[in-house]
C-alpha atoms as a PDB file:
ATOM      1  CA  MET A   1      23.486  24.780 -19.240  1.00  0.00           C
ATOM      2  CA  ILE A   2      20.987  22.353 -17.764  1.00  0.00           C
ATOM      3  CA  GLU A   3      20.145  19.449 -20.178  1.00  0.00           C
ATOM      4  CA  LEU A   4      17.215  17.118 -18.451  1.00  0.00           C
ATOM      5  CA  TYR A   5      16.243  13.472 -19.696  1.00  0.00           C
ATOM      6  CA  HIS A   6      13.698  12.407 -18.851  1.00  0.00           C
ATOM      7  CA  ASN A   7       9.984  10.563 -19.273  1.00  0.00           C
ATOM      8  CA  ASN A   8       7.014  12.999 -18.926  1.00  0.00           C
ATOM      9  CA  ILE A   9       5.072  10.503 -16.591  1.00  0.00           C
ATOM     10  CA  SER A  10       8.124   8.923 -14.780  1.00  0.00           C
ATOM     11  CA  VAL A  11       7.655   9.802 -10.891  1.00  0.00           C
ATOM     12  CA  CYS A  12      11.564  10.263 -10.501  1.00  0.00           C
ATOM     13  CA  SER A  13      11.471  12.646 -13.512  1.00  0.00           C
ATOM     14  CA  GLN A  14       8.372  14.443 -11.881  1.00  0.00           C
ATOM     15  CA  ARG A  15      10.686  15.341  -9.070  1.00  0.00           C
ATOM     16  CA  VAL A  16      13.329  16.670 -10.825  1.00  0.00           C
ATOM     17  CA  ARG A  17      11.302  19.014 -12.558  1.00  0.00           C
ATOM     18  CA  LEU A  18       9.308  20.042  -9.295  1.00  0.00           C
ATOM     19  CA  VAL A  19      13.077  21.455  -8.056  1.00  0.00           C
ATOM     20  CA  LEU A  20      13.994  23.025 -11.364  1.00  0.00           C
ATOM     21  CA  GLU A  21      10.477  24.723 -11.700  1.00  0.00           C
ATOM     22  CA  GLU A  22      10.196  25.702  -7.886  1.00  0.00           C
ATOM     23  CA  LYS A  23      14.011  27.056  -7.964  1.00  0.00           C
ATOM     24  CA  GLY A  24      12.793  28.564 -11.597  1.00  0.00           C
ATOM     25  CA  LEU A  25      15.539  27.322 -13.714  1.00  0.00           C
ATOM     26  CA  ALA A  26      16.184  27.051 -17.399  1.00  0.00           C
ATOM     27  CA  TYR A  27      16.599  23.590 -19.036  1.00  0.00           C
ATOM     28  CA  THR A  28      16.767  21.921 -22.003  1.00  0.00           C
ATOM     29  CA  SER A  29      14.177  19.324 -22.414  1.00  0.00           C
ATOM     30  CA  ARG A  30      15.175  15.490 -23.852  1.00  0.00           C
ATOM     31  CA  PRO A  31      12.324  13.182 -23.647  1.00  0.00           C
ATOM     32  CA  VAL A  32      12.989   9.287 -23.405  1.00  0.00           C
ATOM     33  CA  GLY A  33      10.428   7.361 -24.299  1.00  0.00           C
ATOM     34  CA  LEU A  34      10.354   4.197 -21.795  1.00  0.00           C
ATOM     35  CA  ALA A  35       7.347   2.420 -23.355  1.00  0.00           C
ATOM     36  CA  SER A  36       9.331   2.398 -26.780  1.00  0.00           C
ATOM     37  CA  GLY A  37      12.138   1.372 -25.196  1.00  0.00           C
ATOM     38  CA  GLU A  38      14.482   4.500 -25.401  1.00  0.00           C
ATOM     39  CA  GLN A  39      16.455   4.306 -22.631  1.00  0.00           C
ATOM     40  CA  LEU A  40      17.661   0.261 -23.492  1.00  0.00           C
ATOM     41  CA  THR A  41      19.290   1.749 -26.693  1.00  0.00           C
ATOM     42  CA  PRO A  42      23.120   2.114 -27.118  1.00  0.00           C
ATOM     43  CA  ALA A  43      22.648   5.925 -27.497  1.00  0.00           C
ATOM     44  CA  PHE A  44      21.013   6.656 -24.066  1.00  0.00           C
ATOM     45  CA  ARG A  45      23.288   3.833 -22.388  1.00  0.00           C
ATOM     46  CA  LYS A  46      26.251   5.981 -22.953  1.00  0.00           C
ATOM     47  CA  ILE A  47      24.361   8.429 -20.566  1.00  0.00           C
ATOM     48  CA  ASN A  48      23.321   6.264 -18.064  1.00  0.00           C
ATOM     49  CA  PRO A  49      24.394   2.367 -18.304  1.00  0.00           C
ATOM     50  CA  ARG A  50      21.523   1.414 -15.825  1.00  0.00           C
ATOM     51  CA  SER A  51      18.849   2.796 -18.560  1.00  0.00           C
ATOM     52  CA  LEU A  52      16.975   4.986 -15.755  1.00  0.00           C
ATOM     53  CA  VAL A  53      15.543   8.445 -16.123  1.00  0.00           C
ATOM     54  CA  PRO A  54      16.048  11.223 -14.914  1.00  0.00           C
ATOM     55  CA  VAL A  55      19.479  12.554 -15.730  1.00  0.00           C
ATOM     56  CA  ILE A  56      20.923  15.696 -16.026  1.00  0.00           C
ATOM     57  CA  VAL A  57      23.970  17.036 -17.798  1.00  0.00           C
ATOM     58  CA  HIS A  58      24.767  20.583 -15.859  1.00  0.00           C
ATOM     59  CA  ASP A  59      27.450  22.217 -17.525  1.00  0.00           C
ATOM     60  CA  GLY A  60      28.698  18.962 -19.215  1.00  0.00           C
ATOM     61  CA  HIS A  61      29.013  16.848 -16.218  1.00  0.00           C
ATOM     62  CA  ILE A  62      26.375  13.550 -16.249  1.00  0.00           C
ATOM     63  CA  ILE A  63      24.428  13.512 -12.289  1.00  0.00           C
ATOM     64  CA  VAL A  64      22.056  10.274 -12.199  1.00  0.00           C
ATOM     65  CA  GLU A  65      19.501   9.340  -9.089  1.00  0.00           C
ATOM     66  CA  SER A  66      16.664  11.582  -8.680  1.00  0.00           C
ATOM     67  CA  MET A  67      17.159  12.468  -5.272  1.00  0.00           C
ATOM     68  CA  VAL A  68      20.918  12.793  -5.680  1.00  0.00           C
ATOM     69  CA  ILE A  69      19.936  15.480  -8.687  1.00  0.00           C
ATOM     70  CA  CYS A  70      17.906  17.558  -6.449  1.00  0.00           C
ATOM     71  CA  GLU A  71      20.362  17.505  -3.540  1.00  0.00           C
ATOM     72  CA  TYR A  72      22.843  18.433  -6.237  1.00  0.00           C
ATOM     73  CA  LEU A  73      20.515  21.392  -8.125  1.00  0.00           C
ATOM     74  CA  ASP A  74      20.075  22.373  -4.525  1.00  0.00           C
ATOM     75  CA  GLU A  75      22.927  23.225  -3.560  1.00  0.00           C
ATOM     76  CA  VAL A  76      24.329  24.452  -6.818  1.00  0.00           C
ATOM     77  CA  PHE A  77      20.861  26.867  -7.127  1.00  0.00           C
ATOM     78  CA  ALA A  78      20.495  28.208  -3.525  1.00  0.00           C
ATOM     79  CA  GLU A  79      17.550  30.083  -3.701  1.00  0.00           C
ATOM     80  CA  PRO A  80      15.032  28.807  -2.583  1.00  0.00           C
ATOM     81  CA  ALA A  81      16.357  26.670  -0.432  1.00  0.00           C
ATOM     82  CA  LEU A  82      14.203  23.580  -0.353  1.00  0.00           C
ATOM     83  CA  LYS A  83      16.257  22.226   2.755  1.00  0.00           C
ATOM     84  CA  PRO A  84      15.197  22.456   6.241  1.00  0.00           C
ATOM     85  CA  ALA A  85      16.980  25.364   8.222  1.00  0.00           C
ATOM     86  CA  ASP A  86      17.731  22.984  11.342  1.00  0.00           C
ATOM     87  CA  PRO A  87      19.190  19.556  11.365  1.00  0.00           C
ATOM     88  CA  ILE A  88      16.660  17.863  12.895  1.00  0.00           C
ATOM     89  CA  GLY A  89      14.517  18.855  10.393  1.00  0.00           C
ATOM     90  CA  ARG A  90      17.184  18.039   7.314  1.00  0.00           C
ATOM     91  CA  ALA A  91      17.748  14.180   8.838  1.00  0.00           C
ATOM     92  CA  THR A  92      13.458  14.212   8.977  1.00  0.00           C
ATOM     93  CA  MET A  93      13.456  14.820   5.341  1.00  0.00           C
ATOM     94  CA  ARG A  94      16.080  12.314   4.457  1.00  0.00           C
ATOM     95  CA  VAL A  95      14.308   9.546   6.028  1.00  0.00           C
ATOM     96  CA  TRP A  96      11.003  10.328   3.768  1.00  0.00           C
ATOM     97  CA  ALA A  97      13.613  10.903   0.714  1.00  0.00           C
ATOM     98  CA  LYS A  98      14.995   7.515   1.278  1.00  0.00           C
ATOM     99  CA  LEU A  99      11.784   5.835   1.663  1.00  0.00           C
ATOM    100  CA  PRO A 100      11.055   4.930  -2.352  1.00  0.00           C
ATOM    101  CA  ASP A 101      14.213   3.623  -2.456  1.00  0.00           C
ATOM    102  CA  ASP A 102      13.445   1.170   0.215  1.00  0.00           C
ATOM    103  CA  ILE A 103      10.028   0.271  -0.808  1.00  0.00           C
ATOM    104  CA  LEU A 104       7.796   3.122  -2.276  1.00  0.00           C
ATOM    105  CA  HIS A 105       9.390   2.755  -5.713  1.00  0.00           C
ATOM    106  CA  ALA A 106       9.026  -0.743  -6.043  1.00  0.00           C
ATOM    107  CA  ALA A 107       5.234  -0.288  -4.501  1.00  0.00           C
ATOM    108  CA  CYS A 108       4.548   2.482  -7.573  1.00  0.00           C
ATOM    109  CA  ALA A 109       5.420   0.277 -10.009  1.00  0.00           C
ATOM    110  CA  THR A 110       3.585  -2.954  -9.222  1.00  0.00           C
ATOM    111  CA  VAL A 111       0.852  -1.348  -8.512  1.00  0.00           C
ATOM    112  CA  SER A 112       0.880   1.407 -11.652  1.00  0.00           C
ATOM    113  CA  PHE A 113       1.339  -2.142 -13.347  1.00  0.00           C
ATOM    114  CA  ALA A 114      -1.275  -4.041 -12.248  1.00  0.00           C
ATOM    115  CA  VAL A 115      -3.825  -1.634 -12.057  1.00  0.00           C
ATOM    116  CA  ALA A 116      -3.662   0.279 -15.480  1.00  0.00           C
ATOM    117  CA  PHE A 117      -0.098  -0.063 -17.131  1.00  0.00           C
ATOM    118  CA  GLY A 118       0.715  -3.450 -18.077  1.00  0.00           C
ATOM    119  CA  ARG A 119      -3.003  -3.520 -19.587  1.00  0.00           C
ATOM    120  CA  GLN A 120      -2.055  -0.683 -21.629  1.00  0.00           C
ATOM    121  CA  LEU A 121       1.866  -2.039 -22.411  1.00  0.00           C
ATOM    122  CA  LYS A 122       0.327  -5.384 -23.694  1.00  0.00           C
ATOM    123  CA  GLU A 123      -1.924  -3.429 -26.129  1.00  0.00           C
ATOM    124  CA  LYS A 124       0.524  -1.783 -27.528  1.00  0.00           C
ATOM    125  CA  ALA A 125       3.254  -3.950 -27.672  1.00  0.00           C
ATOM    126  CA  GLY A 126       0.865  -6.799 -28.783  1.00  0.00           C
ATOM    127  CA  ALA A 127       3.059  -9.751 -30.382  1.00  0.00           C
ATOM    128  CA  GLY A 128       6.187  -7.723 -29.139  1.00  0.00           C
ATOM    129  CA  LEU A 129       5.536  -7.575 -25.873  1.00  0.00           C
ATOM    130  CA  GLU A 130       8.103 -10.327 -24.789  1.00  0.00           C
ATOM    131  CA  ASP A 131      10.738  -8.628 -26.918  1.00  0.00           C
ATOM    132  CA  HIS A 132      10.343  -5.465 -25.042  1.00  0.00           C
ATOM    133  CA  LEU A 133      10.179  -7.102 -21.896  1.00  0.00           C
ATOM    134  CA  ALA A 134      13.362  -9.264 -22.939  1.00  0.00           C
ATOM    135  CA  ARG A 135      14.744  -6.051 -23.369  1.00  0.00           C
ATOM    136  CA  MET A 136      15.061  -5.095 -19.934  1.00  0.00           C
ATOM    137  CA  PRO A 137      18.499  -4.968 -18.033  1.00  0.00           C
ATOM    138  CA  ASP A 138      17.472  -5.825 -14.477  1.00  0.00           C
ATOM    139  CA  PRO A 139      15.832  -9.463 -14.468  1.00  0.00           C
ATOM    140  CA  ALA A 140      14.201  -9.050 -11.489  1.00  0.00           C
ATOM    141  CA  ARG A 141      12.160  -6.447 -12.310  1.00  0.00           C
ATOM    142  CA  ARG A 142      11.097  -7.799 -15.825  1.00  0.00           C
ATOM    143  CA  GLU A 143       9.906 -10.809 -13.998  1.00  0.00           C
ATOM    144  CA  ARG A 144       7.978  -8.415 -12.061  1.00  0.00           C
ATOM    145  CA  GLN A 145       6.587  -6.385 -14.860  1.00  0.00           C
ATOM    146  CA  ARG A 146       5.559  -9.552 -16.581  1.00  0.00           C
ATOM    147  CA  LEU A 147       3.416 -10.924 -13.197  1.00  0.00           C
ATOM    148  CA  ALA A 148       1.801  -7.665 -12.859  1.00  0.00           C
ATOM    149  CA  ILE A 149       0.498  -7.913 -16.486  1.00  0.00           C
ATOM    150  CA  GLU A 150      -0.912 -11.061 -16.159  1.00  0.00           C
ATOM    151  CA  LYS A 151      -2.391 -11.062 -12.852  1.00  0.00           C
ATOM    152  CA  GLY A 152      -3.164  -7.544 -12.354  1.00  0.00           C
ATOM    153  CA  VAL A 153      -4.237  -7.337  -8.205  1.00  0.00           C
ATOM    154  CA  GLU A 154      -3.711 -10.700  -7.955  1.00  0.00           C
ATOM    155  CA  THR A 155       0.036 -10.953  -8.295  1.00  0.00           C
ATOM    156  CA  SER A 156       1.159 -12.319  -5.369  1.00  0.00           C
ATOM    157  CA  PHE A 157       3.482  -9.583  -4.169  1.00  0.00           C
ATOM    158  CA  PHE A 158       0.736  -6.867  -5.251  1.00  0.00           C
ATOM    159  CA  ARG A 159      -0.780  -7.331  -1.786  1.00  0.00           C
ATOM    160  CA  ASP A 160       2.280  -5.976   0.145  1.00  0.00           C
ATOM    161  CA  HIS A 161       2.922  -3.249  -2.067  1.00  0.00           C
ATOM    162  CA  ILE A 162      -0.282  -2.352  -1.800  1.00  0.00           C
ATOM    163  CA  LYS A 163      -0.041  -2.288   2.256  1.00  0.00           C
ATOM    164  CA  ALA A 164       3.163  -0.428   1.870  1.00  0.00           C
ATOM    165  CA  TYR A 165       1.730   2.465   0.259  1.00  0.00           C
ATOM    166  CA  ASP A 166      -0.979   2.344   2.982  1.00  0.00           C
ATOM    167  CA  LYS A 167       1.460   1.920   5.393  1.00  0.00           C
ATOM    168  CA  THR A 168       3.090   5.579   4.232  1.00  0.00           C
ATOM    169  CA  LEU A 169       0.280   7.285   3.958  1.00  0.00           C
ATOM    170  CA  ALA A 170      -0.437   6.274   8.172  1.00  0.00           C
ATOM    171  CA  ASP A 171       2.780   7.407   8.548  1.00  0.00           C
ATOM    172  CA  MET A 172       1.901  11.000   6.820  1.00  0.00           C
ATOM    173  CA  GLU A 173      -1.192  11.483   7.885  1.00  0.00           C
ATOM    174  CA  THR A 174       0.692  11.175  11.700  1.00  0.00           C
ATOM    175  CA  GLN A 175       3.261  13.380  10.938  1.00  0.00           C
ATOM    176  CA  LEU A 176       0.455  15.811   8.760  1.00  0.00           C
ATOM    177  CA  GLN A 177      -1.762  16.505  12.188  1.00  0.00           C
ATOM    178  CA  LYS A 178       1.525  17.965  13.528  1.00  0.00           C
ATOM    179  CA  THR A 179       2.996  20.094  10.612  1.00  0.00           C
ATOM    180  CA  ALA A 180       2.382  21.404   7.705  1.00  0.00           C
ATOM    181  CA  TRP A 181       4.713  19.834   5.367  1.00  0.00           C
ATOM    182  CA  LEU A 182       6.831  16.197   6.212  1.00  0.00           C
ATOM    183  CA  ALA A 183       9.894  18.042   7.238  1.00  0.00           C
ATOM    184  CA  GLY A 184       8.220  20.375   9.122  1.00  0.00           C
ATOM    185  CA  ASP A 185       6.585  23.871   8.846  1.00  0.00           C
ATOM    186  CA  ALA A 186       8.148  24.965   5.598  1.00  0.00           C
ATOM    187  CA  TYR A 187       8.198  22.889   1.885  1.00  0.00           C
ATOM    188  CA  SER A 188      10.972  20.660   1.436  1.00  0.00           C
ATOM    189  CA  LEU A 189      13.036  17.732  -0.897  1.00  0.00           C
ATOM    190  CA  ALA A 190      10.584  15.482   1.809  1.00  0.00           C
ATOM    191  CA  ASP A 191       7.403  16.698   0.107  1.00  0.00           C
ATOM    192  CA  ILE A 192       8.844  16.639  -3.644  1.00  0.00           C
ATOM    193  CA  ALA A 193      10.915  13.146  -2.779  1.00  0.00           C
ATOM    194  CA  ILE A 194       7.058  11.525  -1.879  1.00  0.00           C
ATOM    195  CA  PHE A 195       4.705  13.511  -3.988  1.00  0.00           C
ATOM    196  CA  PRO A 196       4.630  12.231  -7.270  1.00  0.00           C
ATOM    197  CA  TYR A 197       3.749   8.062  -5.723  1.00  0.00           C
ATOM    198  CA  ILE A 198       1.164  10.107  -4.076  1.00  0.00           C
ATOM    199  CA  GLU A 199      -0.126  11.323  -7.233  1.00  0.00           C
ATOM    200  CA  ARG A 200       0.069   8.527  -9.226  1.00  0.00           C
ATOM    201  CA  LEU A 201      -2.286   6.898  -6.790  1.00  0.00           C
ATOM    202  CA  ASN A 202      -4.629   9.775  -7.483  1.00  0.00           C
ATOM    203  CA  ARG A 203      -4.225   9.275 -11.238  1.00  0.00           C
ATOM    204  CA  LEU A 204      -5.069   5.579 -11.098  1.00  0.00           C
ATOM    205  CA  GLY A 205      -8.098   6.346  -9.146  1.00  0.00           C
ATOM    206  CA  LEU A 206      -7.163   5.023  -5.867  1.00  0.00           C
ATOM    207  CA  PHE A 207      -8.098   8.480  -3.697  1.00  0.00           C
ATOM    208  CA  GLY A 208      -9.652   6.164  -1.343  1.00  0.00           C
ATOM    209  CA  MET A 209      -6.507   5.624  -0.038  1.00  0.00           C
ATOM    210  CA  TRP A 210      -6.930   8.797   1.762  1.00  0.00           C
ATOM    211  CA  GLU A 211     -10.235   9.615   2.094  1.00  0.00           C
ATOM    212  CA  ASN A 212     -10.194   9.156   5.703  1.00  0.00           C
ATOM    213  CA  ARG A 213      -6.758  10.993   6.183  1.00  0.00           C
ATOM    214  CA  PRO A 214      -7.493  14.513   6.433  1.00  0.00           C
ATOM    215  CA  GLY A 215      -4.099  15.779   6.825  1.00  0.00           C
ATOM    216  CA  VAL A 216      -2.720  13.653   3.127  1.00  0.00           C
ATOM    217  CA  THR A 217      -5.564  15.406   1.909  1.00  0.00           C
ATOM    218  CA  ARG A 218      -4.727  18.750   2.718  1.00  0.00           C
ATOM    219  CA  TRP A 219      -1.473  18.173   1.845  1.00  0.00           C
ATOM    220  CA  LEU A 220      -1.847  17.012  -1.388  1.00  0.00           C
ATOM    221  CA  ALA A 221      -3.996  20.352  -2.197  1.00  0.00           C
ATOM    222  CA  ASN A 222      -1.533  22.528  -1.265  1.00  0.00           C
ATOM    223  CA  LEU A 223       1.221  20.797  -3.050  1.00  0.00           C
ATOM    224  CA  LYS A 224      -0.715  20.579  -6.103  1.00  0.00           C
ATOM    225  CA  ALA A 225      -1.524  24.599  -5.787  1.00  0.00           C
ATOM    226  CA  ARG A 226       2.052  25.179  -5.841  1.00  0.00           C
ATOM    227  CA  PRO A 227       3.359  27.147  -9.363  1.00  0.00           C
ATOM    228  CA  ALA A 228       5.811  24.437 -10.102  1.00  0.00           C
ATOM    229  CA  TYR A 229       2.701  21.472 -10.291  1.00  0.00           C
ATOM    230  CA  LYS A 230       1.706  22.492 -13.443  1.00  0.00           C
ATOM    231  CA  PRO A 231       4.631  22.507 -15.219  1.00  0.00           C
ATOM    232  CA  ALA A 232       6.092  20.359 -13.821  1.00  0.00           C
ATOM    233  CA  VAL A 233       3.170  17.403 -13.381  1.00  0.00           C
ATOM    234  CA  ALA A 234       0.327  18.099 -14.576  1.00  0.00           C
ATOM    235  CA  ASP A 235       1.333  19.492 -17.976  1.00  0.00           C
ATOM    236  CA  PHE A 236       3.054  16.191 -18.387  1.00  0.00           C
ATOM    237  CA  ALA A 237       0.709  13.936 -17.592  1.00  0.00           C
ATOM    238  CA  PRO A 238      -2.399  13.768 -20.288  1.00  0.00           C
ATOM    239  CA  MET A 239      -0.337  12.231 -23.279  1.00  0.00           C
ATOM    240  CA  ASP A 240      -0.063   9.230 -21.592  1.00  0.00           C
ATOM    241  CA  PHE A 241      -3.017   9.743 -19.226  1.00  0.00           C
ATOM    242  CA  ASN A 242      -5.809  10.617 -20.637  1.00  0.00           C
ATOM    243  CA  ASP A 243      -7.113   7.176 -21.949  1.00  0.00           C
ATOM    244  CA  LEU A 244      -6.552   5.287 -18.629  1.00  0.00           C
ATOM    245  CA  GLY A 245      -9.935   7.117 -16.831  1.00  0.00           C
ATOM    246  CA  ASP A 246     -10.055   5.634 -13.144  1.00  0.00           C
ATOM    247  CA  PRO A 247      -9.086   2.123 -13.521  1.00  0.00           C
ATOM    248  CA  GLY A 248      -8.388   1.928  -9.986  1.00  0.00           C
ATOM    249  CA  LEU A 249     -12.008   2.009  -9.596  1.00  0.00           C
ATOM    250  CA  LYS A 250     -13.151  -1.163 -11.055  1.00  0.00           C
ATOM    251  CA  ASP A 251     -10.126  -2.983  -8.228  1.00  0.00           C
ATOM    252  CA  TRP A 252     -11.072  -0.713  -5.378  1.00  0.00           C
ATOM    253  CA  PRO A 253     -13.020  -2.789  -3.806  1.00  0.00           C
ATOM    254  CA  ARG A 254     -10.778  -5.819  -4.047  1.00  0.00           C
ATOM    255  CA  ILE A 255      -7.844  -3.215  -3.081  1.00  0.00           C
ATOM    256  CA  LYS A 256      -9.714  -2.719   0.240  1.00  0.00           C
ATOM    257  CA  GLU A 257      -9.764  -6.107   0.913  1.00  0.00           C
ATOM    258  CA  LEU A 258      -6.240  -6.742   0.574  1.00  0.00           C
ATOM    259  CA  ILE A 259      -5.407  -3.960   2.392  1.00  0.00           C
ATOM    260  CA  ALA A 260      -7.150  -5.007   5.306  1.00  0.00           C
ATOM    261  CA  SER A 261      -6.075  -8.872   4.990  1.00  0.00           C
END
């Protein structure tokens, strides 16, 4: 039995749901409301003291960290395999899978809050915004969110993070001009690791970042055409994205300036 503690639009939750769907694995869904602070409650912190989703409980064993979960599922449920068969392919896969931990996850949080989520959270929380921020256990993350909410794309670190995204897309384009997928000619955990972060840009209306990158455009279309995409990602997105529209479009001229600077 697999229980999945996850959030509908969490990029890390999307990764795990993609693996579950690719492998055809049934699971019991345990939604965690991040906007309401459910991940900060004592009940959830007994499951994961770091207050992060996703978490799976498999046959009584608690497993945390999205890529650790993805690799675990690929080892325990071998078919269809989501790792390249050759050592070079697996090494390439792990380089891509490591990228979010190095920079892309922080960049995604900055861009999301600066462009859209900050406004949404401020409207929902109202006078309770400070209380919401104060409950965040990581003070550095709390301060980044506060600044992104207050200053939007003019936040001091937004430029570095949007440029990190642009470099990622440039590196993807280079690879995808040579191979169909990020770790070679077979779909793998490399694609699952990166896809939610690019899909987030798409949802925010920042699709202009790959308008001159045909390899990325093709890769994104191919991934969204896979049967796993709808139940793992698309079916969850409308709950929080349906009132966002394309918020990044209004900031796109300024964002292009920041990328070019």
